[in-house]
Structures are given as structure tokens and as C-alpha cells.
Amino acid sequence: MKAPHEFESKKLIRFQHCDPAGIVFYPQYFVLFHELIEDWFNDGLEVNYADLIAVQRLGVPTVRIECDFVAASAIGDTLQLRLAVRKIGTSSIALTLTAFSSNELRVRIEQVIVLFSLERRVPVTIIDDLRRRIERFRIREQANASL
């Protein structure tokens, strides 16, 4: 079940995502999750991703990624792709990305993206307005979580 702080998008697994065995070819998950990040900017943060790149000349490249493939997904499956923010740095955003189908975890990714000037090729500070929008998706620490 989706947590209140998570951004979610559904994706039908199509022939184009699969290998000859009919299961998702693992690099396709990275494409699907990048689409999720673009959807998060457009719909969750209300920041036009195309304008971010083409007009503002800012990108959000990945600087770290770690992935666990938990269970296979097959052609015809519908995935619930979810995004939550673990941490917001000066210019970086640490994300947890997950894919579920029928409440079964298929993939979990820990990814760090950085707000980056495409002109100067350096990280840039996340402005306060964008930081507030991102904050809505941050995972809240639970009191006494270990008890």
C-alpha cells in the first residue's frame, strides 16, 4: 500500500520492456524509474521537466545508484512505481524507488540525483521553493521505530 509521502505512477509492462523469456530485461527498470522521476517533477513537484532542461538548463543526473531485483516482472504485469525522498542535501536528493505488482515487491533502488547546471557543468543549490515541494515527499522518521 502506498504511503502518504510517496509519489506513485502505474506502468503496464509491454513487449518492449521484456527479454525473449517474457520478463523485464533489467536495464529497462532504470528507464522506467527515470520516467517516474520525470513524472514526479511534472505532476508531484509541479515543475515542468522539459523546461527544467531546455529553458532553465538544469539537469538531475544520477550520481549514485544501488538496486535489488527481488522478483521478476512479466509482460502484461502492471507495476506500481513509487518514489520517496530519504534526504535533501544542498544540491542532492536521495531517493528510494520501488516497483510493486499485486503488493509484491519486485525492485528496490536507492538513488541519489543532483541538481546540475548544464551550462557550467557543476551542481547548483536547490532553491527554497523547490526544496519545500520536495519536502512533501520526504520519509518521516518514526519515533521508537526500533521498539
N, C-alpha and C. Protein backbone atom coordinates (compact mmCIF):
# COMPACT_ATOMS: atom_id res chain seq x y z
N MET A 1 0.84 -1.19 0.00
CA MET A 1 0.00 0.00 0.00
C MET A 1 0.88 1.25 0.00
N LYS A 2 0.52 2.21 -0.82
CA LYS A 2 1.27 3.46 -0.96
C LYS A 2 1.20 4.26 0.33
N ALA A 3 2.37 4.74 0.78
CA ALA A 3 2.44 5.61 1.95
C ALA A 3 2.06 7.03 1.54
N PRO A 4 1.58 7.86 2.50
CA PRO A 4 1.14 9.21 2.16
C PRO A 4 2.22 10.09 1.52
N HIS A 5 3.47 9.87 1.85
CA HIS A 5 4.56 10.70 1.31
C HIS A 5 5.07 10.22 -0.05
N GLU A 6 4.59 9.10 -0.53
CA GLU A 6 5.11 8.54 -1.77
C GLU A 6 4.40 9.10 -3.00
N PHE A 7 5.18 9.29 -4.06
CA PHE A 7 4.62 9.59 -5.38
C PHE A 7 4.50 8.26 -6.10
N GLU A 8 3.39 8.03 -6.78
CA GLU A 8 3.17 6.74 -7.45
C GLU A 8 2.70 6.94 -8.88
N SER A 9 3.16 6.05 -9.73
CA SER A 9 2.73 6.01 -11.12
C SER A 9 2.59 4.54 -11.52
N LYS A 10 1.56 4.23 -12.27
CA LYS A 10 1.36 2.84 -12.72
C LYS A 10 1.92 2.68 -14.12
N LYS A 11 2.48 1.51 -14.37
CA LYS A 11 3.09 1.25 -15.67
C LYS A 11 2.78 -0.18 -16.09
N LEU A 12 2.21 -0.34 -17.28
CA LEU A 12 1.97 -1.66 -17.86
C LEU A 12 3.27 -2.15 -18.49
N ILE A 13 3.66 -3.37 -18.16
CA ILE A 13 4.85 -3.96 -18.77
C ILE A 13 4.47 -4.46 -20.16
N ARG A 14 5.17 -3.95 -21.13
CA ARG A 14 4.90 -4.24 -22.54
C ARG A 14 6.02 -5.11 -23.13
N PHE A 15 5.78 -5.57 -24.33
CA PHE A 15 6.75 -6.37 -25.07
C PHE A 15 8.11 -5.67 -25.12
N GLN A 16 8.11 -4.35 -25.33
CA GLN A 16 9.37 -3.59 -25.46
C GLN A 16 10.23 -3.63 -24.21
N HIS A 17 9.64 -3.94 -23.05
CA HIS A 17 10.39 -3.97 -21.79
C HIS A 17 11.03 -5.34 -21.54
N CYS A 18 10.66 -6.34 -22.32
CA CYS A 18 10.99 -7.73 -21.98
C CYS A 18 12.07 -8.35 -22.84
N ASP A 19 12.71 -9.36 -22.25
CA ASP A 19 13.67 -10.17 -23.00
C ASP A 19 12.91 -11.33 -23.66
N PRO A 20 13.60 -12.22 -24.39
CA PRO A 20 12.89 -13.31 -25.07
C PRO A 20 12.13 -14.25 -24.13
N ALA A 21 12.49 -14.27 -22.85
CA ALA A 21 11.77 -15.12 -21.89
C ALA A 21 10.45 -14.48 -21.44
N GLY A 22 10.21 -13.22 -21.84
CA GLY A 22 8.97 -12.55 -21.47
C GLY A 22 9.00 -11.86 -20.13
N ILE A 23 10.21 -11.73 -19.54
CA ILE A 23 10.34 -10.99 -18.29
C ILE A 23 11.11 -9.70 -18.55
N VAL A 24 10.93 -8.74 -17.64
CA VAL A 24 11.56 -7.43 -17.84
C VAL A 24 13.08 -7.60 -17.89
N PHE A 25 13.68 -7.09 -18.95
CA PHE A 25 15.14 -7.05 -19.09
C PHE A 25 15.63 -5.98 -18.14
N TYR A 26 16.51 -6.34 -17.20
CA TYR A 26 16.81 -5.49 -16.05
C TYR A 26 17.15 -4.04 -16.37
N PRO A 27 17.86 -3.69 -17.47
CA PRO A 27 18.11 -2.25 -17.70
C PRO A 27 16.83 -1.45 -17.93
N GLN A 28 15.76 -2.13 -18.33
CA GLN A 28 14.51 -1.42 -18.56
C GLN A 28 13.95 -0.80 -17.28
N TYR A 29 14.28 -1.42 -16.13
CA TYR A 29 13.83 -0.83 -14.87
C TYR A 29 14.41 0.57 -14.68
N PHE A 30 15.66 0.77 -15.10
CA PHE A 30 16.27 2.10 -14.97
C PHE A 30 15.55 3.11 -15.85
N VAL A 31 15.11 2.69 -17.02
CA VAL A 31 14.32 3.57 -17.90
C VAL A 31 12.97 3.88 -17.24
N LEU A 32 12.30 2.85 -16.73
CA LEU A 32 11.01 3.04 -16.08
C LEU A 32 11.12 3.98 -14.88
N PHE A 33 12.17 3.81 -14.08
CA PHE A 33 12.33 4.67 -12.91
C PHE A 33 12.73 6.09 -13.30
N HIS A 34 13.46 6.26 -14.40
CA HIS A 34 13.74 7.62 -14.85
C HIS A 34 12.44 8.30 -15.30
N GLU A 35 11.57 7.55 -15.97
CA GLU A 35 10.26 8.10 -16.34
C GLU A 35 9.48 8.50 -15.09
N LEU A 36 9.58 7.69 -14.03
CA LEU A 36 8.92 8.01 -12.76
C LEU A 36 9.45 9.33 -12.21
N ILE A 37 10.76 9.53 -12.25
CA ILE A 37 11.34 10.79 -11.76
C ILE A 37 10.83 11.97 -12.58
N GLU A 38 10.76 11.81 -13.91
CA GLU A 38 10.22 12.88 -14.75
C GLU A 38 8.76 13.16 -14.39
N ASP A 39 7.96 12.11 -14.18
CA ASP A 39 6.56 12.28 -13.78
C ASP A 39 6.46 12.98 -12.43
N TRP A 40 7.37 12.64 -11.51
CA TRP A 40 7.40 13.28 -10.19
C TRP A 40 7.65 14.78 -10.32
N PHE A 41 8.61 15.14 -11.16
CA PHE A 41 8.85 16.57 -11.37
C PHE A 41 7.60 17.23 -11.95
N ASN A 42 7.03 16.65 -13.00
CA ASN A 42 5.88 17.26 -13.68
C ASN A 42 4.63 17.30 -12.82
N ASP A 43 4.28 16.17 -12.21
CA ASP A 43 3.00 16.04 -11.52
C ASP A 43 3.10 16.20 -10.00
N GLY A 44 4.17 15.68 -9.41
CA GLY A 44 4.32 15.76 -7.96
C GLY A 44 4.87 17.09 -7.49
N LEU A 45 5.91 17.57 -8.18
CA LEU A 45 6.56 18.83 -7.80
C LEU A 45 5.99 20.03 -8.56
N GLU A 46 5.22 19.74 -9.61
CA GLU A 46 4.67 20.78 -10.49
C GLU A 46 5.77 21.65 -11.08
N VAL A 47 6.83 20.97 -11.53
CA VAL A 47 7.96 21.60 -12.22
C VAL A 47 8.03 20.95 -13.59
N ASN A 48 7.89 21.72 -14.64
CA ASN A 48 7.92 21.17 -15.99
C ASN A 48 9.33 20.65 -16.29
N TYR A 49 9.45 19.31 -16.41
CA TYR A 49 10.77 18.70 -16.57
C TYR A 49 11.43 19.13 -17.88
N ALA A 50 10.65 19.24 -18.94
CA ALA A 50 11.21 19.66 -20.23
C ALA A 50 11.75 21.08 -20.13
N ASP A 51 11.02 21.98 -19.46
CA ASP A 51 11.50 23.35 -19.27
C ASP A 51 12.73 23.40 -18.37
N LEU A 52 12.76 22.53 -17.37
CA LEU A 52 13.93 22.48 -16.49
C LEU A 52 15.19 22.27 -17.32
N ILE A 53 15.12 21.36 -18.28
CA ILE A 53 16.28 21.04 -19.12
C ILE A 53 16.48 22.08 -20.22
N ALA A 54 15.43 22.35 -20.99
CA ALA A 54 15.57 23.17 -22.19
C ALA A 54 15.62 24.67 -21.91
N VAL A 55 14.88 25.14 -20.91
CA VAL A 55 14.81 26.57 -20.64
C VAL A 55 15.74 26.97 -19.50
N GLN A 56 15.58 26.31 -18.34
CA GLN A 56 16.42 26.64 -17.18
C GLN A 56 17.83 26.08 -17.30
N ARG A 57 18.00 25.11 -18.20
CA ARG A 57 19.30 24.46 -18.44
C ARG A 57 19.84 23.80 -17.17
N LEU A 58 18.92 23.10 -16.48
CA LEU A 58 19.27 22.33 -15.29
C LEU A 58 18.93 20.87 -15.54
N GLY A 59 19.78 19.99 -15.06
CA GLY A 59 19.52 18.56 -15.15
C GLY A 59 19.54 17.95 -13.76
N VAL A 60 19.19 16.68 -13.69
CA VAL A 60 19.24 15.94 -12.42
C VAL A 60 19.91 14.59 -12.66
N PRO A 61 21.20 14.61 -12.96
CA PRO A 61 21.89 13.34 -13.22
C PRO A 61 22.00 12.49 -11.96
N THR A 62 22.09 11.20 -12.18
CA THR A 62 22.31 10.24 -11.10
C THR A 62 23.79 10.21 -10.76
N VAL A 63 24.09 10.33 -9.46
CA VAL A 63 25.49 10.24 -9.02
C VAL A 63 25.75 8.97 -8.21
N ARG A 64 24.67 8.30 -7.78
CA ARG A 64 24.82 7.03 -7.07
C ARG A 64 23.54 6.24 -7.28
N ILE A 65 23.71 4.93 -7.46
CA ILE A 65 22.53 4.06 -7.59
C ILE A 65 22.88 2.66 -7.08
N GLU A 66 21.95 2.09 -6.35
CA GLU A 66 22.08 0.72 -5.84
C GLU A 66 20.73 0.05 -6.04
N CYS A 67 20.74 -1.17 -6.55
CA CYS A 67 19.50 -1.80 -6.95
C CYS A 67 19.43 -3.25 -6.46
N ASP A 68 18.26 -3.63 -5.96
CA ASP A 68 17.97 -5.02 -5.62
C ASP A 68 16.80 -5.48 -6.48
N PHE A 69 17.04 -6.54 -7.26
CA PHE A 69 15.99 -7.16 -8.06
C PHE A 69 15.42 -8.29 -7.21
N VAL A 70 14.21 -8.12 -6.71
CA VAL A 70 13.64 -9.03 -5.73
C VAL A 70 12.85 -10.15 -6.39
N ALA A 71 12.05 -9.81 -7.40
CA ALA A 71 11.22 -10.80 -8.10
C ALA A 71 11.04 -10.34 -9.54
N ALA A 72 10.83 -11.29 -10.43
CA ALA A 72 10.68 -10.98 -11.85
C ALA A 72 9.32 -10.37 -12.15
N SER A 73 9.30 -9.49 -13.15
CA SER A 73 8.06 -8.94 -13.68
C SER A 73 7.93 -9.41 -15.12
N ALA A 74 6.70 -9.71 -15.53
CA ALA A 74 6.46 -10.29 -16.85
C ALA A 74 5.58 -9.39 -17.69
N ILE A 75 5.62 -9.65 -18.99
CA ILE A 75 4.76 -8.92 -19.92
C ILE A 75 3.31 -9.04 -19.45
N GLY A 76 2.61 -7.91 -19.46
CA GLY A 76 1.22 -7.87 -19.00
C GLY A 76 1.05 -7.46 -17.55
N ASP A 77 2.12 -7.53 -16.75
CA ASP A 77 2.04 -7.07 -15.36
C ASP A 77 1.84 -5.56 -15.33
N THR A 78 1.13 -5.09 -14.33
CA THR A 78 1.05 -3.66 -14.07
C THR A 78 1.86 -3.38 -12.82
N LEU A 79 2.85 -2.50 -12.95
CA LEU A 79 3.70 -2.14 -11.82
C LEU A 79 3.22 -0.84 -11.19
N GLN A 80 3.26 -0.80 -9.87
CA GLN A 80 3.09 0.45 -9.15
C GLN A 80 4.49 0.93 -8.82
N LEU A 81 4.93 1.97 -9.52
CA LEU A 81 6.25 2.55 -9.30
C LEU A 81 6.10 3.65 -8.26
N ARG A 82 6.92 3.61 -7.22
CA ARG A 82 6.79 4.56 -6.12
C ARG A 82 8.11 5.26 -5.86
N LEU A 83 8.02 6.52 -5.48
CA LEU A 83 9.18 7.35 -5.19
C LEU A 83 8.98 8.01 -3.84
N ALA A 84 10.02 7.95 -3.00
CA ALA A 84 10.03 8.67 -1.73
C ALA A 84 11.41 9.30 -1.56
N VAL A 85 11.46 10.42 -0.86
CA VAL A 85 12.71 11.14 -0.64
C VAL A 85 13.26 10.75 0.73
N ARG A 86 14.50 10.26 0.76
CA ARG A 86 15.16 9.93 2.02
C ARG A 86 15.85 11.13 2.64
N LYS A 87 16.48 11.95 1.79
CA LYS A 87 17.27 13.07 2.30
C LYS A 87 17.37 14.14 1.22
N ILE A 88 17.38 15.38 1.67
CA ILE A 88 17.58 16.51 0.76
C ILE A 88 18.85 17.22 1.21
N GLY A 89 19.85 17.27 0.33
CA GLY A 89 21.10 17.96 0.63
C GLY A 89 21.09 19.35 0.02
N THR A 90 22.26 19.96 -0.05
CA THR A 90 22.39 21.29 -0.64
C THR A 90 21.98 21.27 -2.11
N SER A 91 22.50 20.28 -2.84
CA SER A 91 22.17 20.15 -4.26
C SER A 91 21.70 18.74 -4.61
N SER A 92 21.67 17.84 -3.65
CA SER A 92 21.35 16.44 -3.92
C SER A 92 20.02 16.03 -3.30
N ILE A 93 19.45 14.98 -3.89
CA ILE A 93 18.21 14.39 -3.40
C ILE A 93 18.42 12.88 -3.38
N ALA A 94 18.31 12.27 -2.19
CA ALA A 94 18.42 10.82 -2.05
C ALA A 94 17.02 10.22 -2.13
N LEU A 95 16.83 9.31 -3.06
CA LEU A 95 15.52 8.73 -3.34
C LEU A 95 15.48 7.24 -3.02
N THR A 96 14.32 6.76 -2.63
CA THR A 96 14.02 5.34 -2.60
C THR A 96 12.95 5.11 -3.66
N LEU A 97 13.24 4.24 -4.61
CA LEU A 97 12.33 3.92 -5.70
C LEU A 97 11.97 2.45 -5.59
N THR A 98 10.69 2.14 -5.69
CA THR A 98 10.26 0.74 -5.60
C THR A 98 9.26 0.43 -6.71
N ALA A 99 9.22 -0.84 -7.08
CA ALA A 99 8.23 -1.34 -8.03
C ALA A 99 7.51 -2.50 -7.36
N PHE A 100 6.19 -2.42 -7.35
CA PHE A 100 5.34 -3.47 -6.80
C PHE A 100 4.38 -3.95 -7.87
N SER A 101 3.98 -5.20 -7.78
CA SER A 101 2.86 -5.71 -8.57
C SER A 101 2.06 -6.62 -7.65
N SER A 102 0.78 -6.36 -7.55
CA SER A 102 -0.10 -7.12 -6.64
C SER A 102 0.49 -7.16 -5.23
N ASN A 103 0.97 -6.02 -4.75
CA ASN A 103 1.57 -5.87 -3.41
C ASN A 103 2.84 -6.67 -3.21
N GLU A 104 3.43 -7.21 -4.27
CA GLU A 104 4.70 -7.93 -4.18
C GLU A 104 5.81 -7.01 -4.66
N LEU A 105 6.83 -6.84 -3.81
CA LEU A 105 7.98 -6.03 -4.19
C LEU A 105 8.75 -6.73 -5.30
N ARG A 106 9.01 -6.00 -6.37
CA ARG A 106 9.77 -6.54 -7.50
C ARG A 106 11.19 -5.97 -7.53
N VAL A 107 11.31 -4.65 -7.32
CA VAL A 107 12.61 -3.96 -7.42
C VAL A 107 12.65 -2.86 -6.38
N ARG A 108 13.84 -2.65 -5.81
CA ARG A 108 14.07 -1.54 -4.88
C ARG A 108 15.37 -0.87 -5.28
N ILE A 109 15.33 0.44 -5.43
CA ILE A 109 16.50 1.22 -5.83
C ILE A 109 16.73 2.33 -4.82
N GLU A 110 17.98 2.51 -4.43
CA GLU A 110 18.42 3.67 -3.66
C GLU A 110 19.24 4.50 -4.64
N GLN A 111 18.81 5.73 -4.88
CA GLN A 111 19.41 6.56 -5.92
C GLN A 111 19.62 7.97 -5.39
N VAL A 112 20.73 8.57 -5.78
CA VAL A 112 20.99 9.98 -5.46
C VAL A 112 21.10 10.74 -6.77
N ILE A 113 20.29 11.80 -6.87
CA ILE A 113 20.35 12.69 -8.02
C ILE A 113 20.83 14.05 -7.55
N VAL A 114 21.39 14.83 -8.46
CA VAL A 114 21.93 16.15 -8.12
C VAL A 114 21.38 17.18 -9.09
N LEU A 115 20.94 18.32 -8.56
CA LEU A 115 20.55 19.43 -9.41
C LEU A 115 21.82 20.02 -9.99
N PHE A 116 21.88 20.13 -11.31
CA PHE A 116 23.15 20.34 -12.02
C PHE A 116 22.96 21.37 -13.13
N SER A 117 23.85 22.36 -13.18
CA SER A 117 23.83 23.34 -14.26
C SER A 117 24.38 22.70 -15.53
N LEU A 118 23.57 22.68 -16.57
CA LEU A 118 24.02 22.12 -17.85
C LEU A 118 24.97 23.07 -18.57
N GLU A 119 24.92 24.35 -18.22
CA GLU A 119 25.82 25.34 -18.83
C GLU A 119 27.21 25.28 -18.19
N ARG A 120 27.23 25.34 -16.85
CA ARG A 120 28.52 25.40 -16.14
C ARG A 120 29.05 24.02 -15.77
N ARG A 121 28.19 23.01 -15.86
CA ARG A 121 28.55 21.62 -15.53
C ARG A 121 29.01 21.46 -14.08
N VAL A 122 28.24 22.08 -13.18
CA VAL A 122 28.50 21.99 -11.74
C VAL A 122 27.17 21.83 -11.01
N PRO A 123 27.19 21.21 -9.82
CA PRO A 123 25.97 21.15 -9.01
C PRO A 123 25.54 22.56 -8.60
N VAL A 124 24.23 22.75 -8.45
CA VAL A 124 23.69 24.03 -8.00
C VAL A 124 22.78 23.80 -6.80
N THR A 125 22.66 24.82 -5.97
CA THR A 125 21.84 24.75 -4.76
C THR A 125 20.36 24.64 -5.13
N ILE A 126 19.67 23.76 -4.43
CA ILE A 126 18.22 23.62 -4.61
C ILE A 126 17.56 24.85 -3.99
N ILE A 127 16.81 25.61 -4.79
CA ILE A 127 16.18 26.83 -4.28
C ILE A 127 15.07 26.47 -3.28
N ASP A 128 14.75 27.43 -2.40
CA ASP A 128 13.81 27.18 -1.30
C ASP A 128 12.45 26.70 -1.77
N ASP A 129 11.90 27.29 -2.83
CA ASP A 129 10.59 26.88 -3.32
C ASP A 129 10.60 25.41 -3.75
N LEU A 130 11.62 25.01 -4.49
CA LEU A 130 11.73 23.61 -4.92
C LEU A 130 11.97 22.71 -3.72
N ARG A 131 12.78 23.14 -2.78
CA ARG A 131 13.06 22.36 -1.57
C ARG A 131 11.75 22.08 -0.81
N ARG A 132 10.89 23.09 -0.68
CA ARG A 132 9.60 22.90 0.00
C ARG A 132 8.74 21.86 -0.73
N ARG A 133 8.75 21.91 -2.04
CA ARG A 133 7.96 20.95 -2.82
C ARG A 133 8.50 19.53 -2.64
N ILE A 134 9.82 19.39 -2.66
CA ILE A 134 10.46 18.08 -2.47
C ILE A 134 10.16 17.54 -1.08
N GLU A 135 10.18 18.42 -0.09
CA GLU A 135 9.98 18.03 1.31
C GLU A 135 8.67 17.27 1.52
N ARG A 136 7.66 17.56 0.73
CA ARG A 136 6.37 16.86 0.88
C ARG A 136 6.49 15.35 0.67
N PHE A 137 7.55 14.92 -0.01
CA PHE A 137 7.73 13.51 -0.33
C PHE A 137 8.80 12.83 0.53
N ARG A 138 9.29 13.56 1.55
CA ARG A 138 10.36 13.02 2.39
C ARG A 138 9.78 12.01 3.38
N ILE A 139 10.50 10.90 3.55
CA ILE A 139 10.14 9.86 4.51
C ILE A 139 10.29 10.43 5.91
N ARG A 140 9.27 10.32 6.71
CA ARG A 140 9.30 10.80 8.09
C ARG A 140 9.85 9.69 8.98
N GLU A 141 10.77 10.06 9.86
CA GLU A 141 11.31 9.09 10.82
C GLU A 141 10.23 8.77 11.84
N GLN A 142 10.05 7.50 12.13
CA GLN A 142 9.05 7.11 13.11
C GLN A 142 9.68 7.06 14.49
N ALA A 143 9.02 7.66 15.45
CA ALA A 143 9.50 7.61 16.83
C ALA A 143 9.44 6.17 17.31
N ASN A 144 10.49 5.77 17.99
CA ASN A 144 10.57 4.41 18.56
C ASN A 144 10.41 3.33 17.51
N ALA A 145 10.94 3.56 16.32
CA ALA A 145 10.81 2.60 15.22
C ALA A 145 11.44 1.26 15.56
N SER A 146 12.45 1.26 16.42
CA SER A 146 13.14 0.00 16.73
C SER A 146 12.48 -0.76 17.87
N LEU A 147 11.46 -0.18 18.51
CA LEU A 147 10.82 -0.86 19.63
C LEU A 147 9.79 -1.85 19.18
